[in-house]
Amino acid sequence: MINLDILRRIDPETAHLDDVELEKIRLSFYEFGQLMFEDWQEQKFGFKNPIGSLTKLANEHSIEQ
């Protein structure tokens, strides 16, 4: 996790926030990042399940006679 002091250095306007408020902001950043990653997965593989995407790729590259 990103340290709260690092977040304060990234955006000096957050210096007045207490730790609880800053932790909520940090959590929002992580949740947003997770949503962005899931959206990328869905666009690239057609669905969000990484196991499913590996299965889909494995089926495309299997040798069948």
Protein backbone atom coordinates (compact mmCIF):
# COMPACT_ATOMS: atom_id res chain seq x y z
CA MET A 1 0.00 0.00 0.00
CA ILE A 2 1.05 3.56 -0.59
CA ASN A 3 2.22 5.26 2.57
CA LEU A 4 0.02 8.16 3.75
CA ASP A 5 3.04 10.46 3.88
CA ILE A 6 3.73 9.74 0.21
CA LEU A 7 0.13 10.62 -0.63
CA ARG A 8 0.56 13.92 1.22
CA ARG A 9 3.72 14.65 -0.78
CA ILE A 10 2.01 13.81 -4.08
CA ASP A 11 -0.80 16.27 -3.38
CA PRO A 12 0.10 18.94 -0.78
CA GLU A 13 -3.57 19.97 -0.60
CA THR A 14 -4.20 16.76 1.36
CA ALA A 15 -1.84 17.87 4.15
CA HIS A 16 -4.77 19.16 6.21
CA LEU A 17 -6.61 15.81 6.10
CA ASP A 18 -6.36 13.44 9.03
CA ASP A 19 -5.21 9.85 8.56
CA VAL A 20 -8.75 8.40 8.49
CA GLU A 21 -9.85 10.72 5.68
CA LEU A 22 -6.66 10.08 3.73
CA GLU A 23 -7.07 6.30 4.14
CA LYS A 24 -10.54 6.59 2.58
CA ILE A 25 -9.04 8.45 -0.38
CA ARG A 26 -6.28 5.85 -0.70
CA LEU A 27 -8.86 3.05 -0.66
CA SER A 28 -10.82 4.86 -3.39
CA PHE A 29 -7.66 4.99 -5.53
CA TYR A 30 -7.16 1.25 -5.12
CA GLU A 31 -10.81 0.50 -5.90
CA PHE A 32 -10.62 2.69 -9.00
CA GLY A 33 -7.44 0.92 -10.08
CA GLN A 34 -9.12 -2.46 -9.64
CA LEU A 35 -12.07 -1.33 -11.78
CA MET A 36 -9.71 -0.09 -14.48
CA PHE A 37 -7.83 -3.41 -14.45
CA GLU A 38 -11.06 -5.41 -14.66
CA ASP A 39 -12.25 -3.24 -17.55
CA TRP A 40 -8.95 -3.84 -19.38
CA GLN A 41 -9.27 -7.59 -18.78
CA GLU A 42 -12.82 -7.60 -20.09
CA GLN A 43 -11.82 -5.69 -23.22
CA LYS A 44 -8.76 -7.87 -23.87
CA PHE A 45 -10.19 -11.30 -23.02
CA GLY A 46 -13.95 -10.75 -23.21
CA PHE A 47 -14.53 -11.36 -19.50
CA LYS A 48 -13.05 -10.47 -16.09
CA ASN A 49 -12.18 -13.94 -14.82
CA PRO A 50 -8.40 -14.39 -15.18
CA ILE A 51 -8.70 -18.16 -14.88
CA GLY A 52 -11.31 -18.14 -17.61
CA SER A 53 -9.09 -16.03 -19.82
CA LEU A 54 -6.23 -18.49 -19.38
CA THR A 55 -8.60 -21.33 -20.24
CA LYS A 56 -9.77 -19.46 -23.33
CA LEU A 57 -6.18 -18.89 -24.45
CA ALA A 58 -5.23 -22.50 -23.73
CA ASN A 59 -8.09 -23.72 -25.93
CA GLU A 60 -7.00 -21.48 -28.80
CA HIS A 61 -3.48 -22.95 -28.71
CA SER A 62 -4.28 -26.58 -28.16
CA ILE A 63 -3.26 -29.25 -30.66
CA GLU A 64 -6.20 -31.28 -31.89
CA GLN A 65 -6.30 -33.78 -34.68
